[in-house]
Amino acid sequence: MAPPSDEDFRAVDRMLDELMVKHFEMAHLLGEYRDLLADLEERPWDKEKSRLARALPGAKYHVTYTYSANLALGISAELKRMFPPEED
C-alpha cells in the first residue's frame, strides 16, 4: 500500500480545523446559555427568558453537535484508510 499523500494529510487537516471551529461555536452557545441562566437567577419573572431557558440547549446546538459527531466519524474513517492496521 502506498503511503498517504500530501492531499490526504491536507484533507484531514481541513476536517480537524472545521471540527475545531464547530467546537468553538458550541462553546460560544453554551456561554450564551450560562448568561441567560445568570440573568434568570436575578430576574426569574422574565417570561421571555424563561421561555428561552425551557428550550435549551436549542436547535442550533443540537445541529452543530450532530454535525461535529459525524465529522469526527469521517476523520476517524479517513485516518483508518490512510493508516490501515498492519497485517501480521
N, C-alpha and C. Protein backbone atom coordinates (compact mmCIF):
# COMPACT_ATOMS: atom_id res chain seq x y z
N MET A 1 0.84 -1.18 0.00
CA MET A 1 0.00 0.00 0.00
C MET A 1 0.88 1.24 0.00
N ALA A 2 0.49 2.21 -0.80
CA ALA A 2 1.24 3.47 -0.90
C ALA A 2 1.03 4.31 0.35
N PRO A 3 2.04 5.06 0.75
CA PRO A 3 1.88 5.94 1.91
C PRO A 3 0.86 7.04 1.62
N PRO A 4 0.27 7.62 2.65
CA PRO A 4 -0.69 8.70 2.43
C PRO A 4 -0.04 9.86 1.70
N SER A 5 -0.82 10.49 0.85
CA SER A 5 -0.31 11.62 0.06
C SER A 5 -0.43 12.92 0.84
N ASP A 6 0.21 13.93 0.31
CA ASP A 6 0.09 15.27 0.92
C ASP A 6 -1.37 15.71 0.94
N GLU A 7 -2.09 15.39 -0.13
CA GLU A 7 -3.51 15.75 -0.20
C GLU A 7 -4.32 15.04 0.89
N ASP A 8 -3.98 13.78 1.18
CA ASP A 8 -4.66 13.07 2.26
C ASP A 8 -4.47 13.82 3.59
N PHE A 9 -3.25 14.23 3.87
CA PHE A 9 -2.97 14.95 5.11
C PHE A 9 -3.67 16.30 5.14
N ARG A 10 -3.69 17.00 4.00
CA ARG A 10 -4.38 18.29 3.93
C ARG A 10 -5.88 18.13 4.16
N ALA A 11 -6.47 17.07 3.61
CA ALA A 11 -7.91 16.83 3.78
C ALA A 11 -8.24 16.59 5.26
N VAL A 12 -7.44 15.78 5.92
CA VAL A 12 -7.69 15.53 7.34
C VAL A 12 -7.46 16.81 8.15
N ASP A 13 -6.45 17.57 7.80
CA ASP A 13 -6.20 18.82 8.50
C ASP A 13 -7.38 19.78 8.34
N ARG A 14 -7.96 19.86 7.15
CA ARG A 14 -9.14 20.72 6.93
C ARG A 14 -10.31 20.24 7.78
N MET A 15 -10.51 18.93 7.84
CA MET A 15 -11.61 18.39 8.65
C MET A 15 -11.38 18.69 10.14
N LEU A 16 -10.14 18.54 10.61
CA LEU A 16 -9.84 18.85 12.01
C LEU A 16 -10.06 20.33 12.30
N ASP A 17 -9.69 21.19 11.36
CA ASP A 17 -9.90 22.62 11.52
C ASP A 17 -11.39 22.92 11.60
N GLU A 18 -12.17 22.31 10.75
CA GLU A 18 -13.62 22.51 10.76
C GLU A 18 -14.23 22.02 12.07
N LEU A 19 -13.75 20.89 12.56
CA LEU A 19 -14.24 20.34 13.83
C LEU A 19 -13.90 21.30 14.98
N MET A 20 -12.73 21.87 14.95
CA MET A 20 -12.33 22.82 15.98
C MET A 20 -13.26 24.05 15.96
N VAL A 21 -13.57 24.54 14.78
CA VAL A 21 -14.47 25.69 14.65
C VAL A 21 -15.85 25.35 15.22
N LYS A 22 -16.34 24.16 14.92
CA LYS A 22 -17.66 23.75 15.43
C LYS A 22 -17.64 23.67 16.95
N HIS A 23 -16.56 23.20 17.53
CA HIS A 23 -16.46 23.15 18.99
C HIS A 23 -16.43 24.56 19.58
N PHE A 24 -15.76 25.49 18.93
CA PHE A 24 -15.78 26.88 19.38
C PHE A 24 -17.20 27.45 19.31
N GLU A 25 -17.92 27.11 18.22
CA GLU A 25 -19.31 27.57 18.09
C GLU A 25 -20.16 27.03 19.23
N MET A 26 -20.00 25.75 19.55
CA MET A 26 -20.77 25.17 20.64
C MET A 26 -20.40 25.80 21.97
N ALA A 27 -19.12 26.07 22.18
CA ALA A 27 -18.69 26.70 23.42
C ALA A 27 -19.30 28.10 23.54
N HIS A 28 -19.37 28.82 22.43
CA HIS A 28 -19.99 30.15 22.44
C HIS A 28 -21.47 30.04 22.81
N LEU A 29 -22.16 29.08 22.22
CA LEU A 29 -23.57 28.88 22.55
C LEU A 29 -23.75 28.55 24.03
N LEU A 30 -22.91 27.68 24.55
CA LEU A 30 -23.00 27.33 25.96
C LEU A 30 -22.76 28.55 26.85
N GLY A 31 -21.84 29.41 26.45
CA GLY A 31 -21.62 30.65 27.19
C GLY A 31 -22.86 31.53 27.20
N GLU A 32 -23.54 31.60 26.06
CA GLU A 32 -24.78 32.37 25.98
C GLU A 32 -25.85 31.76 26.89
N TYR A 33 -25.92 30.44 26.93
CA TYR A 33 -26.90 29.76 27.78
C TYR A 33 -26.60 30.06 29.26
N ARG A 34 -25.34 30.06 29.63
CA ARG A 34 -24.96 30.36 31.01
C ARG A 34 -25.34 31.80 31.36
N ASP A 35 -25.12 32.72 30.43
CA ASP A 35 -25.51 34.11 30.66
C ASP A 35 -27.02 34.22 30.87
N LEU A 36 -27.77 33.50 30.06
CA LEU A 36 -29.23 33.51 30.19
C LEU A 36 -29.65 33.00 31.57
N LEU A 37 -29.04 31.92 32.01
CA LEU A 37 -29.38 31.38 33.33
C LEU A 37 -28.99 32.35 34.45
N ALA A 38 -27.88 33.03 34.30
CA ALA A 38 -27.47 34.01 35.30
C ALA A 38 -28.48 35.16 35.35
N ASP A 39 -28.95 35.58 34.18
CA ASP A 39 -29.98 36.63 34.14
C ASP A 39 -31.26 36.15 34.83
N LEU A 40 -31.63 34.91 34.60
CA LEU A 40 -32.84 34.37 35.21
C LEU A 40 -32.70 34.21 36.73
N GLU A 41 -31.49 33.97 37.18
CA GLU A 41 -31.28 33.87 38.63
C GLU A 41 -31.59 35.21 39.30
N GLU A 42 -31.26 36.29 38.60
CA GLU A 42 -31.53 37.62 39.13
C GLU A 42 -32.97 38.07 38.87
N ARG A 43 -33.54 37.64 37.74
CA ARG A 43 -34.89 38.06 37.36
C ARG A 43 -35.71 36.85 36.90
N PRO A 44 -36.09 35.96 37.82
CA PRO A 44 -36.81 34.73 37.43
C PRO A 44 -38.20 34.99 36.85
N TRP A 45 -38.73 36.19 36.99
CA TRP A 45 -40.06 36.50 36.48
C TRP A 45 -40.06 36.88 35.00
N ASP A 46 -38.87 36.97 34.38
CA ASP A 46 -38.78 37.35 32.97
C ASP A 46 -39.33 36.22 32.11
N LYS A 47 -40.55 36.41 31.58
CA LYS A 47 -41.24 35.35 30.85
C LYS A 47 -40.53 34.97 29.54
N GLU A 48 -40.01 35.96 28.84
CA GLU A 48 -39.33 35.67 27.57
C GLU A 48 -38.07 34.83 27.81
N LYS A 49 -37.29 35.21 28.79
CA LYS A 49 -36.07 34.46 29.08
C LYS A 49 -36.40 33.08 29.66
N SER A 50 -37.47 33.00 30.42
CA SER A 50 -37.90 31.69 30.93
C SER A 50 -38.29 30.77 29.78
N ARG A 51 -38.98 31.33 28.79
CA ARG A 51 -39.37 30.55 27.62
C ARG A 51 -38.13 30.05 26.87
N LEU A 52 -37.14 30.92 26.71
CA LEU A 52 -35.90 30.53 26.05
C LEU A 52 -35.18 29.43 26.84
N ALA A 53 -35.15 29.57 28.16
CA ALA A 53 -34.45 28.59 29.00
C ALA A 53 -35.08 27.21 28.88
N ARG A 54 -36.40 27.15 28.76
CA ARG A 54 -37.07 25.85 28.62
C ARG A 54 -36.67 25.13 27.34
N ALA A 55 -36.24 25.88 26.33
CA ALA A 55 -35.89 25.29 25.03
C ALA A 55 -34.40 24.92 24.93
N LEU A 56 -33.64 25.19 26.00
CA LEU A 56 -32.20 24.89 25.93
C LEU A 56 -31.96 23.40 25.89
N PRO A 57 -30.91 22.89 25.23
CA PRO A 57 -29.83 23.70 24.67
C PRO A 57 -30.13 24.28 23.30
N GLY A 58 -31.23 24.02 22.70
CA GLY A 58 -31.60 24.69 21.46
C GLY A 58 -31.22 23.93 20.21
N ALA A 59 -31.95 24.24 19.15
CA ALA A 59 -31.78 23.53 17.88
C ALA A 59 -30.40 23.76 17.27
N LYS A 60 -29.90 24.98 17.34
CA LYS A 60 -28.60 25.26 16.73
C LYS A 60 -27.50 24.43 17.39
N TYR A 61 -27.57 24.30 18.72
CA TYR A 61 -26.58 23.49 19.42
C TYR A 61 -26.71 22.03 18.98
N HIS A 62 -27.92 21.51 18.91
CA HIS A 62 -28.12 20.11 18.53
C HIS A 62 -27.62 19.84 17.11
N VAL A 63 -27.91 20.76 16.20
CA VAL A 63 -27.45 20.60 14.81
C VAL A 63 -25.93 20.62 14.75
N THR A 64 -25.32 21.57 15.45
CA THR A 64 -23.85 21.67 15.45
C THR A 64 -23.22 20.45 16.09
N TYR A 65 -23.83 19.97 17.18
CA TYR A 65 -23.32 18.77 17.85
C TYR A 65 -23.38 17.55 16.93
N THR A 66 -24.51 17.37 16.26
CA THR A 66 -24.67 16.23 15.35
C THR A 66 -23.69 16.32 14.19
N TYR A 67 -23.54 17.52 13.63
CA TYR A 67 -22.59 17.72 12.54
C TYR A 67 -21.18 17.39 13.01
N SER A 68 -20.82 17.84 14.21
CA SER A 68 -19.48 17.59 14.76
C SER A 68 -19.25 16.10 14.97
N ALA A 69 -20.25 15.41 15.49
CA ALA A 69 -20.12 13.96 15.71
C ALA A 69 -19.90 13.24 14.38
N ASN A 70 -20.65 13.61 13.36
CA ASN A 70 -20.48 12.99 12.04
C ASN A 70 -19.13 13.34 11.43
N LEU A 71 -18.68 14.56 11.62
CA LEU A 71 -17.38 14.96 11.11
C LEU A 71 -16.27 14.17 11.80
N ALA A 72 -16.39 13.97 13.11
CA ALA A 72 -15.40 13.18 13.84
C ALA A 72 -15.36 11.75 13.33
N LEU A 73 -16.51 11.19 13.01
CA LEU A 73 -16.54 9.84 12.42
C LEU A 73 -15.83 9.82 11.06
N GLY A 74 -16.04 10.87 10.29
CA GLY A 74 -15.37 10.97 8.99
C GLY A 74 -13.86 11.07 9.13
N ILE A 75 -13.41 11.83 10.11
CA ILE A 75 -11.97 11.95 10.37
C ILE A 75 -11.40 10.59 10.75
N SER A 76 -12.09 9.91 11.63
CA SER A 76 -11.64 8.58 12.06
C SER A 76 -11.56 7.62 10.88
N ALA A 77 -12.57 7.64 10.04
CA ALA A 77 -12.57 6.75 8.87
C ALA A 77 -11.43 7.09 7.92
N GLU A 78 -11.19 8.37 7.71
CA GLU A 78 -10.12 8.78 6.80
C GLU A 78 -8.76 8.36 7.35
N LEU A 79 -8.55 8.52 8.66
CA LEU A 79 -7.27 8.12 9.26
C LEU A 79 -7.09 6.60 9.20
N LYS A 80 -8.16 5.85 9.37
CA LYS A 80 -8.06 4.39 9.26
C LYS A 80 -7.74 3.99 7.82
N ARG A 81 -8.28 4.73 6.86
CA ARG A 81 -7.97 4.46 5.46
C ARG A 81 -6.51 4.77 5.17
N MET A 82 -6.04 5.89 5.73
CA MET A 82 -4.66 6.29 5.50
C MET A 82 -3.66 5.38 6.20
N PHE A 83 -4.04 4.87 7.35
CA PHE A 83 -3.14 4.06 8.16
C PHE A 83 -3.85 2.76 8.58
N PRO A 84 -4.02 1.85 7.61
CA PRO A 84 -4.71 0.60 7.93
C PRO A 84 -3.88 -0.24 8.89
N PRO A 85 -4.56 -1.13 9.63
CA PRO A 85 -3.81 -2.00 10.54
C PRO A 85 -2.80 -2.84 9.77
N GLU A 86 -1.69 -3.05 10.40
CA GLU A 86 -0.65 -3.87 9.76
C GLU A 86 -1.03 -5.34 9.88
N GLU A 87 -0.79 -6.03 8.81
CA GLU A 87 -1.05 -7.48 8.84
C GLU A 87 0.14 -8.20 9.41
N ASP A 88 -0.15 -9.22 10.23
CA ASP A 88 0.94 -9.99 10.84
C ASP A 88 1.52 -11.00 9.90
